[in-house]
Amino acid sequence: MEAKSLKLRIFDKEYTIVSDESEERVKQTAYLVDSLMREIVEHAKKLPEERIAVLAALRLASQLLTIESKEKQASAKAESLNALLDRELATSSQQ
């Protein structure tokens, strides 16, 4: 996909983003960041905008690490089950 320039609003500021992701994906991402920043500011109204952005980034990074960890565990479990199935099939075909 070819890179496109998109204008987005995040936390009441306009940004021009160049991305090769779909426009819908970029808008969803911007909406997620904006929502997280607004959620954070509800609980800490006096924080500077930069800190709000960093807290949103940390929350997103934490969520990403959790998802990656779960995916890794699921992949290991699938490999283990495949190996077990292969052994069982090999045993049953020898009988």
N, C-alpha and C. Protein backbone atom coordinates (compact mmCIF):
# COMPACT_ATOMS: atom_id res chain seq x y z
N MET A 1 0.84 -1.17 0.00
CA MET A 1 0.00 0.00 0.00
C MET A 1 0.89 1.25 0.00
N GLU A 2 0.47 2.24 -0.71
CA GLU A 2 1.25 3.47 -0.83
C GLU A 2 1.00 4.40 0.36
N ALA A 3 2.05 5.09 0.80
CA ALA A 3 1.93 6.01 1.93
C ALA A 3 1.04 7.19 1.54
N LYS A 4 0.16 7.57 2.49
CA LYS A 4 -0.74 8.70 2.30
C LYS A 4 -0.59 9.66 3.45
N SER A 5 -0.87 10.90 3.19
CA SER A 5 -0.85 11.94 4.20
C SER A 5 -2.28 12.14 4.72
N LEU A 6 -2.44 12.06 6.05
CA LEU A 6 -3.76 12.20 6.66
C LEU A 6 -3.71 13.25 7.76
N LYS A 7 -4.78 14.01 7.88
CA LYS A 7 -4.90 14.98 8.97
C LYS A 7 -5.77 14.37 10.05
N LEU A 8 -5.25 14.43 11.27
CA LEU A 8 -5.96 13.84 12.41
C LEU A 8 -6.01 14.84 13.56
N ARG A 9 -7.01 14.69 14.42
CA ARG A 9 -7.09 15.47 15.65
C ARG A 9 -6.91 14.53 16.82
N ILE A 10 -5.92 14.83 17.63
CA ILE A 10 -5.67 14.07 18.85
C ILE A 10 -5.53 15.08 19.98
N PHE A 11 -6.38 14.94 20.96
CA PHE A 11 -6.34 15.80 22.15
C PHE A 11 -6.40 17.28 21.75
N ASP A 12 -7.33 17.57 20.84
CA ASP A 12 -7.61 18.93 20.37
C ASP A 12 -6.46 19.57 19.60
N LYS A 13 -5.56 18.79 19.08
CA LYS A 13 -4.49 19.30 18.23
C LYS A 13 -4.53 18.56 16.90
N GLU A 14 -4.23 19.29 15.84
CA GLU A 14 -4.24 18.68 14.51
C GLU A 14 -2.83 18.20 14.16
N TYR A 15 -2.77 16.99 13.62
CA TYR A 15 -1.50 16.39 13.20
C TYR A 15 -1.65 15.90 11.77
N THR A 16 -0.59 16.04 11.01
CA THR A 16 -0.54 15.44 9.68
C THR A 16 0.34 14.21 9.79
N ILE A 17 -0.23 13.08 9.45
CA ILE A 17 0.45 11.79 9.57
C ILE A 17 0.64 11.21 8.17
N VAL A 18 1.82 10.70 7.90
CA VAL A 18 2.07 9.97 6.65
C VAL A 18 2.19 8.50 7.02
N SER A 19 1.34 7.68 6.39
CA SER A 19 1.31 6.26 6.73
C SER A 19 0.91 5.44 5.52
N ASP A 20 1.41 4.20 5.50
CA ASP A 20 0.98 3.27 4.46
C ASP A 20 -0.12 2.35 4.98
N GLU A 21 -0.56 2.57 6.21
CA GLU A 21 -1.72 1.84 6.74
C GLU A 21 -2.98 2.40 6.10
N SER A 22 -4.07 1.66 6.19
CA SER A 22 -5.34 2.16 5.65
C SER A 22 -5.79 3.39 6.44
N GLU A 23 -6.53 4.24 5.79
CA GLU A 23 -7.02 5.45 6.45
C GLU A 23 -7.86 5.08 7.68
N GLU A 24 -8.67 4.06 7.55
CA GLU A 24 -9.51 3.61 8.67
C GLU A 24 -8.65 3.18 9.86
N ARG A 25 -7.58 2.45 9.58
CA ARG A 25 -6.69 1.98 10.65
C ARG A 25 -6.02 3.16 11.37
N VAL A 26 -5.55 4.13 10.61
CA VAL A 26 -4.89 5.30 11.19
C VAL A 26 -5.89 6.09 12.05
N LYS A 27 -7.12 6.24 11.55
CA LYS A 27 -8.15 6.96 12.31
C LYS A 27 -8.50 6.22 13.59
N GLN A 28 -8.59 4.90 13.52
CA GLN A 28 -8.87 4.10 14.73
C GLN A 28 -7.75 4.27 15.75
N THR A 29 -6.52 4.26 15.28
CA THR A 29 -5.37 4.42 16.16
C THR A 29 -5.39 5.80 16.83
N ALA A 30 -5.65 6.83 16.04
CA ALA A 30 -5.72 8.19 16.58
C ALA A 30 -6.85 8.30 17.60
N TYR A 31 -7.98 7.68 17.31
CA TYR A 31 -9.12 7.70 18.24
C TYR A 31 -8.74 7.03 19.56
N LEU A 32 -8.03 5.92 19.48
CA LEU A 32 -7.61 5.21 20.68
C LEU A 32 -6.68 6.08 21.53
N VAL A 33 -5.70 6.71 20.90
CA VAL A 33 -4.77 7.58 21.62
C VAL A 33 -5.52 8.76 22.24
N ASP A 34 -6.39 9.38 21.47
CA ASP A 34 -7.18 10.51 21.97
C ASP A 34 -8.03 10.08 23.17
N SER A 35 -8.69 8.95 23.05
CA SER A 35 -9.54 8.46 24.15
C SER A 35 -8.74 8.19 25.41
N LEU A 36 -7.58 7.57 25.26
CA LEU A 36 -6.73 7.29 26.43
C LEU A 36 -6.27 8.59 27.09
N MET A 37 -5.87 9.55 26.28
CA MET A 37 -5.42 10.82 26.84
C MET A 37 -6.55 11.52 27.59
N ARG A 38 -7.75 11.46 27.05
CA ARG A 38 -8.91 12.09 27.71
C ARG A 38 -9.27 11.35 29.00
N GLU A 39 -9.15 10.04 28.98
CA GLU A 39 -9.41 9.25 30.19
C GLU A 39 -8.39 9.61 31.29
N ILE A 40 -7.14 9.74 30.91
CA ILE A 40 -6.09 10.08 31.88
C ILE A 40 -6.32 11.47 32.46
N VAL A 41 -6.68 12.43 31.62
CA VAL A 41 -6.86 13.80 32.10
C VAL A 41 -8.06 13.90 33.05
N GLU A 42 -9.03 13.01 32.92
CA GLU A 42 -10.17 12.99 33.85
C GLU A 42 -9.71 12.69 35.27
N HIS A 43 -8.67 11.88 35.40
CA HIS A 43 -8.17 11.47 36.72
C HIS A 43 -7.04 12.36 37.22
N ALA A 44 -6.43 13.10 36.33
CA ALA A 44 -5.30 13.95 36.72
C ALA A 44 -5.35 15.23 35.89
N LYS A 45 -6.25 16.10 36.22
CA LYS A 45 -6.53 17.30 35.42
C LYS A 45 -5.35 18.27 35.30
N LYS A 46 -4.47 18.27 36.26
CA LYS A 46 -3.40 19.27 36.27
C LYS A 46 -2.11 18.81 35.59
N LEU A 47 -2.10 17.61 35.06
CA LEU A 47 -0.88 17.12 34.41
C LEU A 47 -0.64 17.87 33.10
N PRO A 48 0.63 18.15 32.80
CA PRO A 48 0.93 18.75 31.50
C PRO A 48 0.62 17.75 30.37
N GLU A 49 0.31 18.30 29.23
CA GLU A 49 -0.08 17.49 28.08
C GLU A 49 0.99 16.44 27.72
N GLU A 50 2.25 16.82 27.83
CA GLU A 50 3.34 15.90 27.52
C GLU A 50 3.29 14.66 28.43
N ARG A 51 3.02 14.86 29.70
CA ARG A 51 2.94 13.72 30.64
C ARG A 51 1.73 12.86 30.35
N ILE A 52 0.64 13.49 29.95
CA ILE A 52 -0.57 12.74 29.59
C ILE A 52 -0.26 11.85 28.39
N ALA A 53 0.45 12.39 27.41
CA ALA A 53 0.82 11.61 26.22
C ALA A 53 1.74 10.45 26.60
N VAL A 54 2.69 10.70 27.50
CA VAL A 54 3.61 9.63 27.92
C VAL A 54 2.84 8.54 28.68
N LEU A 55 1.92 8.94 29.55
CA LEU A 55 1.11 7.94 30.27
C LEU A 55 0.26 7.12 29.31
N ALA A 56 -0.30 7.76 28.29
CA ALA A 56 -1.07 7.03 27.28
C ALA A 56 -0.17 6.05 26.53
N ALA A 57 1.03 6.49 26.17
CA ALA A 57 1.97 5.61 25.48
C ALA A 57 2.37 4.42 26.35
N LEU A 58 2.60 4.69 27.64
CA LEU A 58 2.95 3.59 28.56
C LEU A 58 1.81 2.59 28.69
N ARG A 59 0.58 3.08 28.76
CA ARG A 59 -0.56 2.17 28.86
C ARG A 59 -0.68 1.32 27.61
N LEU A 60 -0.53 1.94 26.44
CA LEU A 60 -0.59 1.19 25.18
C LEU A 60 0.53 0.17 25.08
N ALA A 61 1.73 0.55 25.50
CA ALA A 61 2.87 -0.37 25.47
C ALA A 61 2.62 -1.55 26.40
N SER A 62 2.06 -1.28 27.56
CA SER A 62 1.75 -2.35 28.51
C SER A 62 0.72 -3.31 27.92
N GLN A 63 -0.31 -2.77 27.28
CA GLN A 63 -1.32 -3.61 26.64
C GLN A 63 -0.70 -4.45 25.53
N LEU A 64 0.19 -3.85 24.76
CA LEU A 64 0.87 -4.58 23.68
C LEU A 64 1.70 -5.73 24.24
N LEU A 65 2.45 -5.47 25.30
CA LEU A 65 3.28 -6.51 25.92
C LEU A 65 2.41 -7.64 26.47
N THR A 66 1.27 -7.31 27.04
CA THR A 66 0.35 -8.34 27.54
C THR A 66 -0.16 -9.21 26.40
N ILE A 67 -0.56 -8.58 25.32
CA ILE A 67 -1.05 -9.32 24.15
C ILE A 67 0.04 -10.20 23.56
N GLU A 68 1.26 -9.66 23.44
CA GLU A 68 2.37 -10.44 22.90
C GLU A 68 2.69 -11.64 23.78
N SER A 69 2.63 -11.44 25.08
CA SER A 69 2.90 -12.54 26.01
C SER A 69 1.84 -13.63 25.88
N LYS A 70 0.58 -13.23 25.79
CA LYS A 70 -0.50 -14.21 25.63
C LYS A 70 -0.39 -14.95 24.30
N GLU A 71 0.01 -14.22 23.26
CA GLU A 71 0.17 -14.84 21.94
C GLU A 71 1.31 -15.86 21.98
N LYS A 72 2.39 -15.50 22.67
CA LYS A 72 3.53 -16.40 22.78
C LYS A 72 3.14 -17.66 23.55
N GLN A 73 2.38 -17.50 24.62
CA GLN A 73 1.92 -18.65 25.41
C GLN A 73 0.99 -19.53 24.58
N ALA A 74 0.09 -18.92 23.82
CA ALA A 74 -0.83 -19.68 22.97
C ALA A 74 -0.07 -20.43 21.88
N SER A 75 0.95 -19.80 21.33
CA SER A 75 1.76 -20.43 20.30
C SER A 75 2.52 -21.63 20.86
N ALA A 76 3.09 -21.46 22.05
CA ALA A 76 3.82 -22.57 22.69
C ALA A 76 2.87 -23.71 23.00
N LYS A 77 1.67 -23.39 23.45
CA LYS A 77 0.67 -24.41 23.77
C LYS A 77 0.27 -25.16 22.49
N ALA A 78 0.08 -24.42 21.41
CA ALA A 78 -0.28 -25.04 20.13
C ALA A 78 0.84 -25.97 19.63
N GLU A 79 2.09 -25.52 19.76
CA GLU A 79 3.21 -26.36 19.37
C GLU A 79 3.26 -27.63 20.21
N SER A 80 3.02 -27.50 21.49
CA SER A 80 3.02 -28.65 22.39
C SER A 80 1.92 -29.63 22.02
N LEU A 81 0.73 -29.11 21.74
CA LEU A 81 -0.39 -29.97 21.34
C LEU A 81 -0.13 -30.64 19.99
N ASN A 82 0.48 -29.91 19.06
CA ASN A 82 0.83 -30.50 17.76
C ASN A 82 1.83 -31.63 17.93
N ALA A 83 2.83 -31.43 18.79
CA ALA A 83 3.82 -32.47 19.03
C ALA A 83 3.16 -33.70 19.65
N LEU A 84 2.26 -33.48 20.60
CA LEU A 84 1.54 -34.59 21.23
C LEU A 84 0.69 -35.33 20.20
N LEU A 85 0.00 -34.59 19.36
CA LEU A 85 -0.81 -35.20 18.32
C LEU A 85 0.05 -35.99 17.34
N ASP A 86 1.19 -35.43 16.96
CA ASP A 86 2.10 -36.14 16.06
C ASP A 86 2.56 -37.46 16.68
N ARG A 87 2.90 -37.43 17.98
CA ARG A 87 3.33 -38.67 18.66
C ARG A 87 2.20 -39.69 18.70
N GLU A 88 1.01 -39.23 19.00
CA GLU A 88 -0.13 -40.15 19.08
C GLU A 88 -0.44 -40.74 17.71
N LEU A 89 -0.37 -39.92 16.67
CA LEU A 89 -0.63 -40.42 15.31
C LEU A 89 0.45 -41.42 14.90
N ALA A 90 1.69 -41.13 15.24
CA ALA A 90 2.77 -42.04 14.90
C ALA A 90 2.61 -43.36 15.64
N THR A 91 2.22 -43.31 16.91
CA THR A 91 2.02 -44.52 17.70
C THR A 91 0.86 -45.34 17.15
N SER A 92 -0.25 -44.68 16.81
CA SER A 92 -1.43 -45.40 16.32
C SER A 92 -1.22 -45.98 14.93
N SER A 93 -0.37 -45.35 14.12
CA SER A 93 -0.12 -45.88 12.78
C SER A 93 0.83 -47.08 12.81
N GLN A 94 1.59 -47.21 13.90
CA GLN A 94 2.50 -48.35 14.03
C GLN A 94 1.78 -49.59 14.54
N GLN A 95 0.59 -49.42 15.03
CA GLN A 95 -0.14 -50.58 15.60
C GLN A 95 -0.90 -51.33 14.55
